[in-house]
Structure formats: C-alpha cells, structure tokens
Protein backbone atom coordinates (compact mmCIF):
# COMPACT_ATOMS: atom_id res chain seq x y z
CA UNK A 1 90.03 36.44 78.71
CA UNK A 2 88.09 37.23 75.54
CA UNK A 3 87.14 34.33 73.32
CA UNK A 4 89.06 33.90 70.11
CA UNK A 5 87.37 35.44 67.13
CA UNK A 6 86.73 32.97 64.37
CA UNK A 7 85.94 33.63 60.78
CA UNK A 8 84.66 31.18 58.27
CA UNK A 9 83.91 30.96 54.68
CA UNK A 10 80.73 31.22 56.27
CA UNK A 11 81.82 34.18 58.24
CA UNK A 12 84.59 35.40 56.13
CA UNK A 13 84.09 38.47 58.18
CA UNK A 14 84.05 40.97 55.39
CA UNK A 15 83.78 38.38 52.74
CA UNK A 16 83.87 38.62 49.05
CA UNK A 17 84.32 35.27 47.39
CA UNK A 18 85.36 36.13 43.92
CA UNK A 19 87.77 35.67 41.10
CA UNK A 20 90.09 38.57 41.47
CA UNK A 21 92.31 37.76 38.52
CA UNK A 22 95.19 36.95 40.86
CA UNK A 23 94.75 33.19 40.60
CA UNK A 24 94.56 31.35 37.33
CA UNK A 25 91.37 29.37 36.86
CA UNK A 26 91.36 26.02 35.03
CA UNK A 27 91.82 26.42 31.29
CA UNK A 28 92.56 30.12 31.81
CA UNK A 29 88.85 30.87 32.38
CA UNK A 30 88.21 33.74 34.79
CA UNK A 31 86.73 32.64 38.12
CA UNK A 32 83.05 33.64 38.42
CA UNK A 33 81.93 35.70 41.40
CA UNK A 34 79.61 33.39 43.36
CA UNK A 35 79.23 35.44 46.54
CA UNK A 36 79.91 39.03 47.50
CA UNK A 37 78.83 40.91 50.62
CA UNK A 38 79.66 44.40 51.86
CA UNK A 39 77.26 44.34 54.85
CA UNK A 40 75.79 47.71 53.86
CA UNK A 41 72.17 46.63 54.35
CA UNK A 42 70.36 45.51 57.52
CA UNK A 43 69.24 42.46 55.52
CA UNK A 44 72.88 41.46 54.84
CA UNK A 45 72.76 38.88 57.65
CA UNK A 46 69.95 36.98 55.94
CA UNK A 47 72.51 35.21 53.74
CA UNK A 48 74.33 33.79 56.75
CA UNK A 49 73.76 30.84 59.06
CA UNK A 50 75.12 31.46 62.57
CA UNK A 51 76.00 28.77 65.10
CA UNK A 52 74.96 31.33 67.74
CA UNK A 53 73.18 34.35 66.23
CA UNK A 54 73.47 36.31 69.50
CA UNK A 55 77.28 36.44 69.13
CA UNK A 56 77.14 38.32 65.80
CA UNK A 57 75.98 41.75 64.69
CA UNK A 58 76.32 44.22 61.86
CA UNK A 59 78.62 47.07 62.87
CA UNK A 60 80.29 50.06 61.28
CA UNK A 61 83.40 52.12 61.81
CA UNK A 62 86.10 53.96 59.91
CA UNK A 63 83.77 54.29 56.93
CA UNK A 64 83.05 50.56 56.64
CA UNK A 65 80.17 48.25 57.49
CA UNK A 66 81.08 44.77 58.66
CA UNK A 67 79.92 41.59 60.34
CA UNK A 68 81.26 41.47 63.87
CA UNK A 69 81.83 38.51 66.17
CA UNK A 70 81.50 40.65 69.27
CA UNK A 71 81.13 38.23 72.19
CA UNK A 72 81.74 34.65 73.25
CA UNK A 73 79.48 32.19 71.51
CA UNK A 74 77.12 29.96 73.47
CA UNK A 75 77.62 27.38 70.69
CA UNK A 76 79.49 24.32 71.90
CA UNK A 77 80.62 22.22 68.94
CA UNK A 78 80.43 18.42 69.19
CA UNK A 79 84.25 18.23 69.03
CA UNK A 80 87.00 20.76 69.76
CA UNK A 81 86.89 23.32 66.97
CA UNK A 82 85.99 26.99 66.45
CA UNK A 83 82.91 28.22 68.32
CA UNK A 84 82.04 31.64 66.80
CA UNK A 85 80.90 30.41 63.40
CA UNK A 86 78.91 31.97 60.58
CA UNK A 87 78.44 30.04 57.33
CA UNK A 88 77.30 31.50 54.04
CA UNK A 89 73.88 29.95 53.37
CA UNK A 90 73.30 27.77 50.34
CA UNK A 91 76.81 28.04 48.89
CA UNK A 92 78.85 25.08 47.76
CA UNK A 93 82.05 25.56 45.81
CA UNK A 94 84.95 23.39 44.74
CA UNK A 95 88.12 25.29 43.93
CA UNK A 96 87.81 28.98 44.68
CA UNK A 97 89.62 32.24 45.26
CA UNK A 98 88.68 34.09 48.42
CA UNK A 99 89.23 37.82 48.76
CA UNK A 100 88.29 39.02 52.22
CA UNK A 101 89.11 41.79 54.63
CA UNK A 102 89.27 40.78 58.27
CA UNK A 103 90.39 42.61 61.35
CA UNK A 104 90.79 41.54 64.95
CA UNK A 105 90.32 44.23 67.57
CA UNK A 106 91.53 42.00 70.39
CA UNK A 107 94.70 42.80 72.30
CA UNK A 108 97.86 41.34 70.79
CA UNK A 109 98.71 37.82 71.96
CA UNK A 110 99.80 34.57 70.30
CA UNK A 111 96.29 33.34 69.48
CA UNK A 112 94.82 36.63 68.30
CA UNK A 113 93.33 35.15 65.21
CA UNK A 114 90.92 34.71 62.38
CA UNK A 115 89.68 31.39 61.01
CA UNK A 116 88.27 30.68 57.58
CA UNK A 117 86.12 27.54 57.52
CA UNK A 118 85.28 25.56 54.41
CA UNK A 119 84.33 22.10 53.15
CA UNK A 120 81.51 21.72 55.68
CA UNK A 121 79.63 18.45 55.76
CA UNK A 122 78.11 18.95 59.23
CA UNK A 123 79.12 20.59 62.56
CA UNK A 124 81.76 17.92 63.23
CA UNK A 125 83.22 17.63 59.70
CA UNK A 126 84.92 20.58 57.98
CA UNK A 127 88.28 22.23 57.35
CA UNK A 128 89.59 25.57 58.49
CA UNK A 129 92.58 27.82 58.03
CA UNK A 130 93.66 29.37 61.31
CA UNK A 131 95.54 32.65 60.87
CA UNK A 132 97.24 33.83 64.06
CA UNK A 133 100.00 36.10 65.24
CA UNK A 134 102.21 33.17 66.25
CA UNK A 135 102.34 29.59 64.97
CA UNK A 136 102.07 26.64 67.36
CA UNK A 137 100.32 23.25 67.34
CA UNK A 138 96.91 24.96 67.69
CA UNK A 139 97.38 28.12 65.65
CA UNK A 140 98.46 29.43 62.26
CA UNK A 141 97.86 26.23 60.33
CA UNK A 142 95.28 24.32 58.28
CA UNK A 143 93.06 22.06 60.37
CA UNK A 144 90.72 19.15 59.75
CA UNK A 145 87.70 18.57 61.99
CA UNK A 146 86.71 14.99 61.17
CA UNK A 147 84.38 13.81 63.93
CA UNK A 148 87.10 14.36 66.53
CA UNK A 149 89.05 17.34 67.87
CA UNK A 150 90.77 19.39 65.18
CA UNK A 151 94.09 18.18 63.79
CA UNK A 152 96.66 20.25 61.93
CA UNK A 153 97.18 18.91 58.41
CA UNK A 154 99.77 21.46 57.25
C-alpha cells in the first residue's frame, strides 16, 4: 500500500504563503508575503529542508511545476507523526494566511490525504492539519505532536 502523502508548511506542496486579501490582518493591515514558491527553477528545492531528500523531487505536468512526495520516506520520526516532511528553511511566522495548491494522485481511500505542518520546535514537537477524504480519529483533524504520538486537538 502506498505511503500517505504528507504536506507541511514546510512542504506546502505547491506553497505560497501570502496575504491574499481574504483574511483580515490585525488593525486592517494587509498581510505581507513572506514566502512564495512556484517550483519553476531547479534551484527551487534549495529553500526546503527535507526529512528524507530522496523521497522528494521537482516534477511537472498539466502545465505546472511542483514539488512531489513520490515515494515512501526512510525518515522515521521519534514519535508517531507524518513521515514525508519538507519544511521551508529559515521561516518563522506567527499568525498567517496560507494559500496553497495541493493534489494527491493516490487512489481514493479514507486516508488519501495532505498534511500541513507548522509551529515546529523540533522533530517531536509541532502541529499539523490533516486533510483527508474521510474523518476519523487519525484523519481530517488538527493534531499536536508534543513529544509523544500525535493527538487530535480539534
């Protein structure tokens, strides 16, 4: 069975972290764009930190370039949590608006998913939003990884 595909604010597969005007910033100030990536250059991956670089590649199709999690990761996290992880290097934000395009090419099943990770302190301490086809105790929720296996907090 193929491994679940995970996306993070480090992966944010086809990520553009930006103020799109759809969310109101504090004091009505427009959110600044602090990161944007279209993966159009071979050097696009230089801004990313991969838990397992061999599980990721730049790909293209249907007129788009994208970052692809194309195989199972050899990365084994210290506690149960996503394995295919890519973090944006040197980016720390507080409140933010995330505009991203993500697509799973896996067959349809309950845990066909995408994860957006954020709030990283270290490999065993972060949050993630798990978007899946079907909700259950391990999918389609907001999770906390706090030195022990992930726990839904939504």
